[in-house]
Amino acid sequence: MGESRWDRVVGVSNRVGDRALKLVNRAIARQSLLPDQPFYDPAAFPWVRELERNWKGVRAELDAVLAHRDALPNFQDISTDQYNLTDDDRWKTYFFWGYGFRSDANCARCPETTRLVEAIPGMQTAMFSILAPGKRIPPHDGPYKGVLRYHLGVLVPDAGDAVGIRVGGQVAHWHEGQSLVFDDTYEHEAWNDTDETRVVLFVDVIRPLRQPMRSVNAGVIKAIAYSPFVQDAKRRHRAWEQEYQRTLG
């Protein structure tokens, strides 16, 4: 089957948006209150402490989610641009928030995780990112510098270098109950070369900026929320939710 009209609209919108975002990214780098670098010290973000203190509550809710792992959506089934990175069923997601869209059903199933992520200043997206044994995410870079990415290790194999992430030229490793903060516009890749599952709580937060770029960034993020790309992801997620509810009975 050929592309649908909606798929073509989403594709064109993504290409135009990517070009515009590259111009904005250069201005954001100049106006950032943080240095332009791959990783940041999590201690510089006061809200991180609350997540790390309560990570075992997040883990308990994750364990309940993973009881129905086969029914969880593949990342590319919700966010179609991920087809550039994965085309199998070994990278799954469980969304709470995505640029203004709240999955009320998923949030209700994980109230402690929801409480924690909704208390993060400037939170834009929040989900469990689930990597199956042996799964690798190839090198790629994120489109927009106006947000920073946060990972909380929730379920992490104790396997040293066999599970980790490279951002720019720097390599880091997740640990349960500990955090990573990084700029995903640097080329990055992740791997889980173990026979166990790796899960992080994955959150995007607004980057601290000087004015007037702070206001510009707020406008861009609002535009992203209304973009065909995000609207398509919402539509796909709602369809998955309906099927998931039937699976759970």
C-alpha atoms as a PDB file:
ATOM      1  CA  MET A   1       0.000   0.000   0.000  1.00  0.00           C
ATOM      2  CA  GLY A   2       1.175   3.535  -0.761  1.00  0.00           C
ATOM      3  CA  GLU A   3       1.477   6.422   1.636  1.00  0.00           C
ATOM      4  CA  SER A   4      -1.765   7.886   2.910  1.00  0.00           C
ATOM      5  CA  ARG A   5      -2.452  11.594   2.500  1.00  0.00           C
ATOM      6  CA  TRP A   6      -1.986  12.063   6.246  1.00  0.00           C
ATOM      7  CA  ASP A   7       1.381  10.280   6.162  1.00  0.00           C
ATOM      8  CA  ARG A   8       2.535  12.636   3.391  1.00  0.00           C
ATOM      9  CA  VAL A   9       1.420  15.682   5.408  1.00  0.00           C
ATOM     10  CA  VAL A  10       3.322  14.417   8.450  1.00  0.00           C
ATOM     11  CA  GLY A  11       6.435  13.729   6.348  1.00  0.00           C
ATOM     12  CA  VAL A  12       6.492  17.191   4.759  1.00  0.00           C
ATOM     13  CA  SER A  13       5.804  18.854   8.113  1.00  0.00           C
ATOM     14  CA  ASN A  14       8.688  16.973   9.720  1.00  0.00           C
ATOM     15  CA  ARG A  15      11.153  18.015   6.997  1.00  0.00           C
ATOM     16  CA  VAL A  16      10.159  21.681   7.122  1.00  0.00           C
ATOM     17  CA  GLY A  17      10.175  21.651  10.916  1.00  0.00           C
ATOM     18  CA  ASP A  18      13.638  20.081  11.044  1.00  0.00           C
ATOM     19  CA  ARG A  19      15.106  22.859   8.902  1.00  0.00           C
ATOM     20  CA  ALA A  20      13.495  25.574  11.029  1.00  0.00           C
ATOM     21  CA  LEU A  21      14.601  23.966  14.276  1.00  0.00           C
ATOM     22  CA  LYS A  22      18.240  23.885  13.181  1.00  0.00           C
ATOM     23  CA  LEU A  23      18.192  27.680  12.885  1.00  0.00           C
ATOM     24  CA  VAL A  24      16.597  28.055  16.315  1.00  0.00           C
ATOM     25  CA  ASN A  25      19.062  25.565  17.841  1.00  0.00           C
ATOM     26  CA  ARG A  26      22.017  27.804  17.061  1.00  0.00           C
ATOM     27  CA  ALA A  27      20.374  30.723  18.869  1.00  0.00           C
ATOM     28  CA  ILE A  28      19.459  28.509  21.834  1.00  0.00           C
ATOM     29  CA  ALA A  29      23.082  27.386  22.236  1.00  0.00           C
ATOM     30  CA  ARG A  30      24.143  31.032  22.516  1.00  0.00           C
ATOM     31  CA  GLN A  31      21.420  31.932  25.023  1.00  0.00           C
ATOM     32  CA  SER A  32      21.530  28.838  27.235  1.00  0.00           C
ATOM     33  CA  LEU A  33      22.181  29.301  30.947  1.00  0.00           C
ATOM     34  CA  LEU A  34      24.041  25.987  30.804  1.00  0.00           C
ATOM     35  CA  PRO A  35      27.195  25.262  28.813  1.00  0.00           C
ATOM     36  CA  ASP A  36      26.830  23.532  25.457  1.00  0.00           C
ATOM     37  CA  GLN A  37      28.014  20.032  26.339  1.00  0.00           C
ATOM     38  CA  PRO A  38      26.815  16.403  26.124  1.00  0.00           C
ATOM     39  CA  PHE A  39      26.165  15.547  29.800  1.00  0.00           C
ATOM     40  CA  TYR A  40      25.211  17.630  32.852  1.00  0.00           C
ATOM     41  CA  ASP A  41      25.624  17.002  36.550  1.00  0.00           C
ATOM     42  CA  PRO A  42      22.204  15.800  37.791  1.00  0.00           C
ATOM     43  CA  ALA A  43      22.869  17.566  41.110  1.00  0.00           C
ATOM     44  CA  ALA A  44      22.455  20.877  39.255  1.00  0.00           C
ATOM     45  CA  PHE A  45      18.724  20.132  38.942  1.00  0.00           C
ATOM     46  CA  PRO A  46      17.035  20.232  42.373  1.00  0.00           C
ATOM     47  CA  TRP A  47      14.022  18.174  41.253  1.00  0.00           C
ATOM     48  CA  VAL A  48      16.252  15.157  40.560  1.00  0.00           C
ATOM     49  CA  ARG A  49      16.615  14.388  44.272  1.00  0.00           C
ATOM     50  CA  GLU A  50      12.897  13.686  44.686  1.00  0.00           C
ATOM     51  CA  LEU A  51      12.891  11.154  41.867  1.00  0.00           C
ATOM     52  CA  GLU A  52      15.964   9.373  43.172  1.00  0.00           C
ATOM     53  CA  ARG A  53      14.517   9.235  46.699  1.00  0.00           C
ATOM     54  CA  ASN A  54      11.336   7.623  45.379  1.00  0.00           C
ATOM     55  CA  TRP A  55      12.679   5.419  42.624  1.00  0.00           C
ATOM     56  CA  LYS A  56      11.563   2.177  44.286  1.00  0.00           C
ATOM     57  CA  GLY A  57       7.952   3.329  44.058  1.00  0.00           C
ATOM     58  CA  VAL A  58       8.497   3.903  40.341  1.00  0.00           C
ATOM     59  CA  ARG A  59      10.022   0.431  40.085  1.00  0.00           C
ATOM     60  CA  ALA A  60       7.000  -1.180  41.745  1.00  0.00           C
ATOM     61  CA  GLU A  61       4.673   0.461  39.200  1.00  0.00           C
ATOM     62  CA  LEU A  62       6.976  -0.512  36.346  1.00  0.00           C
ATOM     63  CA  ASP A  63       6.884  -4.150  37.469  1.00  0.00           C
ATOM     64  CA  ALA A  64       3.088  -4.078  37.153  1.00  0.00           C
ATOM     65  CA  VAL A  65       3.363  -2.543  33.666  1.00  0.00           C
ATOM     66  CA  LEU A  66       5.867  -5.188  32.553  1.00  0.00           C
ATOM     67  CA  ALA A  67       3.427  -7.928  33.515  1.00  0.00           C
ATOM     68  CA  HIS A  68       1.708  -7.039  30.218  1.00  0.00           C
ATOM     69  CA  ARG A  69       4.873  -6.271  28.287  1.00  0.00           C
ATOM     70  CA  ASP A  70       3.845  -7.967  25.040  1.00  0.00           C
ATOM     71  CA  ALA A  71       0.843  -5.634  24.800  1.00  0.00           C
ATOM     72  CA  LEU A  72       2.947  -2.464  25.142  1.00  0.00           C
ATOM     73  CA  PRO A  73       3.486  -0.421  21.973  1.00  0.00           C
ATOM     74  CA  ASN A  74       6.715  -0.439  20.011  1.00  0.00           C
ATOM     75  CA  PHE A  75       8.195   3.064  20.033  1.00  0.00           C
ATOM     76  CA  GLN A  76       7.903   3.369  16.249  1.00  0.00           C
ATOM     77  CA  ASP A  77       4.212   2.436  16.383  1.00  0.00           C
ATOM     78  CA  ILE A  78       3.535   5.650  18.323  1.00  0.00           C
ATOM     79  CA  SER A  79       6.287   7.945  17.024  1.00  0.00           C
ATOM     80  CA  THR A  80       6.745   7.043  13.348  1.00  0.00           C
ATOM     81  CA  ASP A  81      10.071   8.872  12.962  1.00  0.00           C
ATOM     82  CA  GLN A  82      11.577   6.145  15.153  1.00  0.00           C
ATOM     83  CA  TYR A  83      11.379   3.800  12.152  1.00  0.00           C
ATOM     84  CA  ASN A  84      14.746   5.356  11.252  1.00  0.00           C
ATOM     85  CA  LEU A  85      16.129   3.746  14.428  1.00  0.00           C
ATOM     86  CA  THR A  86      14.148   0.572  15.017  1.00  0.00           C
ATOM     87  CA  ASP A  87      11.796  -1.723  13.126  1.00  0.00           C
ATOM     88  CA  ASP A  88      11.325  -4.597  15.563  1.00  0.00           C
ATOM     89  CA  ASP A  89       9.507  -5.175  18.863  1.00  0.00           C
ATOM     90  CA  ARG A  90      12.524  -4.766  21.157  1.00  0.00           C
ATOM     91  CA  TRP A  91      12.127  -1.060  22.036  1.00  0.00           C
ATOM     92  CA  LYS A  92       8.832  -0.516  23.791  1.00  0.00           C
ATOM     93  CA  THR A  93       7.337   2.499  25.516  1.00  0.00           C
ATOM     94  CA  TYR A  94       4.743   3.387  28.095  1.00  0.00           C
ATOM     95  CA  PHE A  95       3.805   7.074  27.724  1.00  0.00           C
ATOM     96  CA  PHE A  96       2.591   9.355  30.492  1.00  0.00           C
ATOM     97  CA  TRP A  97       2.987  12.751  28.818  1.00  0.00           C
ATOM     98  CA  GLY A  98       3.958  14.011  25.381  1.00  0.00           C
ATOM     99  CA  TYR A  99       3.978  17.749  24.556  1.00  0.00           C
ATOM    100  CA  GLY A 100       0.662  18.596  26.163  1.00  0.00           C
ATOM    101  CA  PHE A 101      -0.943  15.184  25.697  1.00  0.00           C
ATOM    102  CA  ARG A 102      -1.605  13.282  28.915  1.00  0.00           C
ATOM    103  CA  SER A 103      -2.360   9.572  28.844  1.00  0.00           C
ATOM    104  CA  ASP A 104      -4.898   9.571  31.653  1.00  0.00           C
ATOM    105  CA  ALA A 105      -5.236   5.780  31.673  1.00  0.00           C
ATOM    106  CA  ASN A 106      -1.470   5.162  31.866  1.00  0.00           C
ATOM    107  CA  CYS A 107      -1.095   7.838  34.545  1.00  0.00           C
ATOM    108  CA  ALA A 108      -3.893   6.276  36.608  1.00  0.00           C
ATOM    109  CA  ARG A 109      -2.114   2.915  36.559  1.00  0.00           C
ATOM    110  CA  CYS A 110       1.120   4.518  37.835  1.00  0.00           C
ATOM    111  CA  PRO A 111       0.072   7.236  40.306  1.00  0.00           C
ATOM    112  CA  GLU A 112       3.423   7.550  42.106  1.00  0.00           C
ATOM    113  CA  THR A 113       5.387   7.882  38.861  1.00  0.00           C
ATOM    114  CA  THR A 114       2.825  10.388  37.603  1.00  0.00           C
ATOM    115  CA  ARG A 115       3.093  12.449  40.799  1.00  0.00           C
ATOM    116  CA  LEU A 116       6.847  12.621  40.441  1.00  0.00           C
ATOM    117  CA  VAL A 117       7.015  13.556  36.760  1.00  0.00           C
ATOM    118  CA  GLU A 118       4.225  16.106  37.004  1.00  0.00           C
ATOM    119  CA  ALA A 119       6.200  17.896  39.738  1.00  0.00           C
ATOM    120  CA  ILE A 120       9.225  18.383  37.441  1.00  0.00           C
ATOM    121  CA  PRO A 121       9.470  22.041  36.352  1.00  0.00           C
ATOM    122  CA  GLY A 122       9.169  22.339  32.586  1.00  0.00           C
ATOM    123  CA  MET A 123       8.376  18.654  31.985  1.00  0.00           C
ATOM    124  CA  GLN A 124       7.353  18.082  28.356  1.00  0.00           C
ATOM    125  CA  THR A 125       7.481  14.321  27.846  1.00  0.00           C
ATOM    126  CA  ALA A 126       7.590  11.398  30.247  1.00  0.00           C
ATOM    127  CA  MET A 127       7.560   7.667  29.581  1.00  0.00           C
ATOM    128  CA  PHE A 128       9.139   4.343  30.422  1.00  0.00           C
ATOM    129  CA  SER A 129      11.693   3.453  27.735  1.00  0.00           C
ATOM    130  CA  ILE A 130      12.077  -0.329  27.611  1.00  0.00           C
ATOM    131  CA  LEU A 131      15.030  -1.970  25.832  1.00  0.00           C
ATOM    132  CA  ALA A 132      14.847  -5.727  25.338  1.00  0.00           C
ATOM    133  CA  PRO A 133      17.892  -7.987  25.733  1.00  0.00           C
ATOM    134  CA  GLY A 134      20.376  -7.471  22.910  1.00  0.00           C
ATOM    135  CA  LYS A 135      18.707  -4.280  21.639  1.00  0.00           C
ATOM    136  CA  ARG A 136      20.862  -1.477  20.255  1.00  0.00           C
ATOM    137  CA  ILE A 137      19.709   2.013  19.248  1.00  0.00           C
ATOM    138  CA  PRO A 138      21.990   3.271  16.470  1.00  0.00           C
ATOM    139  CA  PRO A 139      23.717   6.680  16.455  1.00  0.00           C
ATOM    140  CA  HIS A 140      21.322   9.573  15.889  1.00  0.00           C
ATOM    141  CA  ASP A 141      20.685  13.085  17.125  1.00  0.00           C
ATOM    142  CA  GLY A 142      17.603  14.808  18.482  1.00  0.00           C
ATOM    143  CA  PRO A 143      15.994  17.659  16.550  1.00  0.00           C
ATOM    144  CA  TYR A 144      15.608  20.388  19.172  1.00  0.00           C
ATOM    145  CA  LYS A 145      17.954  22.006  21.691  1.00  0.00           C
ATOM    146  CA  GLY A 146      15.182  23.718  23.653  1.00  0.00           C
ATOM    147  CA  VAL A 147      14.786  20.684  25.897  1.00  0.00           C
ATOM    148  CA  LEU A 148      17.167  18.511  27.889  1.00  0.00           C
ATOM    149  CA  ARG A 149      16.760  14.772  28.360  1.00  0.00           C
ATOM    150  CA  TYR A 150      16.621  13.042  31.735  1.00  0.00           C
ATOM    151  CA  HIS A 151      16.946   9.312  32.457  1.00  0.00           C
ATOM    152  CA  LEU A 152      16.277   7.658  35.814  1.00  0.00           C
ATOM    153  CA  GLY A 153      17.561   4.103  36.005  1.00  0.00           C
ATOM    154  CA  VAL A 154      14.596   1.940  37.064  1.00  0.00           C
ATOM    155  CA  LEU A 155      15.464  -1.578  35.873  1.00  0.00           C
ATOM    156  CA  VAL A 156      19.115  -1.896  34.866  1.00  0.00           C
ATOM    157  CA  PRO A 157      21.171  -5.085  34.407  1.00  0.00           C
ATOM    158  CA  ASP A 158      24.305  -5.142  36.553  1.00  0.00           C
ATOM    159  CA  ALA A 159      26.561  -5.751  33.573  1.00  0.00           C
ATOM    160  CA  GLY A 160      29.141  -2.968  33.407  1.00  0.00           C
ATOM    161  CA  ASP A 161      29.936  -1.776  29.893  1.00  0.00           C
ATOM    162  CA  ALA A 162      27.403  -4.153  28.317  1.00  0.00           C
ATOM    163  CA  VAL A 163      24.605  -1.651  28.925  1.00  0.00           C
ATOM    164  CA  GLY A 164      25.124   2.058  28.366  1.00  0.00           C
ATOM    165  CA  ILE A 165      24.763   5.233  26.353  1.00  0.00           C
ATOM    166  CA  ARG A 166      27.180   7.399  24.380  1.00  0.00           C
ATOM    167  CA  VAL A 167      26.447  11.116  23.936  1.00  0.00           C
ATOM    168  CA  GLY A 168      28.928  13.017  21.795  1.00  0.00           C
ATOM    169  CA  GLY A 169      32.256  11.459  22.675  1.00  0.00           C
ATOM    170  CA  GLN A 170      31.293  10.579  26.251  1.00  0.00           C
ATOM    171  CA  VAL A 171      29.989   7.226  27.516  1.00  0.00           C
ATOM    172  CA  ALA A 172      27.834   6.754  30.612  1.00  0.00           C
ATOM    173  CA  HIS A 173      26.058   3.846  32.253  1.00  0.00           C
ATOM    174  CA  TRP A 174      22.682   3.693  33.960  1.00  0.00           C
ATOM    175  CA  HIS A 175      22.356   2.513  37.549  1.00  0.00           C
ATOM    176  CA  GLU A 176      19.135   1.788  39.381  1.00  0.00           C
ATOM    177  CA  GLY A 177      17.954   4.804  41.350  1.00  0.00           C
ATOM    178  CA  GLN A 178      20.492   7.127  39.698  1.00  0.00           C
ATOM    179  CA  SER A 179      20.122   9.813  37.050  1.00  0.00           C
ATOM    180  CA  LEU A 180      21.603  11.034  33.793  1.00  0.00           C
ATOM    181  CA  VAL A 181      20.923  14.424  32.186  1.00  0.00           C
ATOM    182  CA  PHE A 182      22.106  15.099  28.638  1.00  0.00           C
ATOM    183  CA  ASP A 183      21.635  17.137  25.471  1.00  0.00           C
ATOM    184  CA  ASP A 184      20.169  14.774  22.902  1.00  0.00           C
ATOM    185  CA  THR A 185      21.054  17.036  19.957  1.00  0.00           C
ATOM    186  CA  TYR A 186      24.546  15.580  20.271  1.00  0.00           C
ATOM    187  CA  GLU A 187      24.886  12.327  18.364  1.00  0.00           C
ATOM    188  CA  HIS A 188      24.011   9.529  20.761  1.00  0.00           C
ATOM    189  CA  GLU A 189      23.455   5.799  20.819  1.00  0.00           C
ATOM    190  CA  ALA A 190      22.377   3.260  23.430  1.00  0.00           C
ATOM    191  CA  TRP A 191      22.860  -0.463  23.888  1.00  0.00           C
ATOM    192  CA  ASN A 192      21.717  -3.350  26.021  1.00  0.00           C
ATOM    193  CA  ASP A 193      24.090  -6.194  25.197  1.00  0.00           C
ATOM    194  CA  THR A 194      22.757  -8.368  28.021  1.00  0.00           C
ATOM    195  CA  ASP A 195      20.121 -11.067  28.356  1.00  0.00           C
ATOM    196  CA  GLU A 196      18.011  -8.874  30.665  1.00  0.00           C
ATOM    197  CA  THR A 197      15.627  -5.929  30.138  1.00  0.00           C
ATOM    198  CA  ARG A 198      16.725  -2.326  30.689  1.00  0.00           C
ATOM    199  CA  VAL A 199      14.151   0.354  31.605  1.00  0.00           C
ATOM    200  CA  VAL A 200      14.618   4.053  32.304  1.00  0.00           C
ATOM    201  CA  LEU A 201      12.132   6.755  33.170  1.00  0.00           C
ATOM    202  CA  PHE A 202      12.653   9.052  30.176  1.00  0.00           C
ATOM    203  CA  VAL A 203      11.750  12.733  30.570  1.00  0.00           C
ATOM    204  CA  ASP A 204      12.278  15.852  28.470  1.00  0.00           C
ATOM    205  CA  VAL A 205      12.430  19.187  30.346  1.00  0.00           C
ATOM    206  CA  ILE A 206      12.702  22.771  29.150  1.00  0.00           C
ATOM    207  CA  ARG A 207      16.296  24.017  28.927  1.00  0.00           C
ATOM    208  CA  PRO A 208      17.106  27.052  31.140  1.00  0.00           C
ATOM    209  CA  LEU A 209      17.522  30.061  28.826  1.00  0.00           C
ATOM    210  CA  ARG A 210      18.019  33.804  28.942  1.00  0.00           C
ATOM    211  CA  GLN A 211      15.346  36.144  27.679  1.00  0.00           C
ATOM    212  CA  PRO A 212      14.136  36.702  25.017  1.00  0.00           C
ATOM    213  CA  MET A 213      15.080  33.152  23.924  1.00  0.00           C
ATOM    214  CA  ARG A 214      13.135  31.722  26.871  1.00  0.00           C
ATOM    215  CA  SER A 215       9.938  33.152  25.383  1.00  0.00           C
ATOM    216  CA  VAL A 216      10.889  32.046  21.882  1.00  0.00           C
ATOM    217  CA  ASN A 217      11.471  28.540  23.199  1.00  0.00           C
ATOM    218  CA  ALA A 218       8.054  28.496  24.876  1.00  0.00           C
ATOM    219  CA  GLY A 219       6.485  29.462  21.547  1.00  0.00           C
ATOM    220  CA  VAL A 220       8.362  26.762  19.634  1.00  0.00           C
ATOM    221  CA  ILE A 221       7.372  24.105  22.165  1.00  0.00           C
ATOM    222  CA  LYS A 222       3.731  25.169  21.878  1.00  0.00           C
ATOM    223  CA  ALA A 223       4.004  24.905  18.089  1.00  0.00           C
ATOM    224  CA  ILE A 224       5.526  21.419  18.400  1.00  0.00           C
ATOM    225  CA  ALA A 225       2.529  20.363  20.501  1.00  0.00           C
ATOM    226  CA  TYR A 226       0.187  21.320  17.640  1.00  0.00           C
ATOM    227  CA  SER A 227       2.363  19.915  14.853  1.00  0.00           C
ATOM    228  CA  PRO A 228       1.076  17.082  12.631  1.00  0.00           C
ATOM    229  CA  PHE A 229       3.865  14.889  14.030  1.00  0.00           C
ATOM    230  CA  VAL A 230       2.614  15.167  17.618  1.00  0.00           C
ATOM    231  CA  GLN A 231      -1.032  15.020  16.596  1.00  0.00           C
ATOM    232  CA  ASP A 232      -0.317  11.799  14.695  1.00  0.00           C
ATOM    233  CA  ALA A 233       1.423  10.325  17.748  1.00  0.00           C
ATOM    234  CA  LYS A 234      -1.606  11.229  19.900  1.00  0.00           C
ATOM    235  CA  ARG A 235      -3.922   9.512  17.444  1.00  0.00           C
ATOM    236  CA  ARG A 236      -1.777   6.394  17.403  1.00  0.00           C
ATOM    237  CA  HIS A 237      -1.515   6.340  21.185  1.00  0.00           C
ATOM    238  CA  ARG A 238      -5.283   6.642  21.652  1.00  0.00           C
ATOM    239  CA  ALA A 239      -5.787   3.702  19.288  1.00  0.00           C
ATOM    240  CA  TRP A 240      -3.269   1.653  21.291  1.00  0.00           C
ATOM    241  CA  GLU A 241      -4.969   2.615  24.582  1.00  0.00           C
ATOM    242  CA  GLN A 242      -8.309   1.295  23.350  1.00  0.00           C
ATOM    243  CA  GLU A 243      -6.732  -2.015  22.368  1.00  0.00           C
ATOM    244  CA  TYR A 244      -4.782  -2.201  25.642  1.00  0.00           C
ATOM    245  CA  GLN A 245      -7.944  -1.701  27.683  1.00  0.00           C
ATOM    246  CA  ARG A 246      -9.494  -4.629  25.841  1.00  0.00           C
ATOM    247  CA  THR A 247      -6.372  -6.719  26.538  1.00  0.00           C
ATOM    248  CA  LEU A 248      -6.651  -5.965  30.261  1.00  0.00           C
ATOM    249  CA  GLY A 249     -10.345  -6.782  30.211  1.00  0.00           C
END
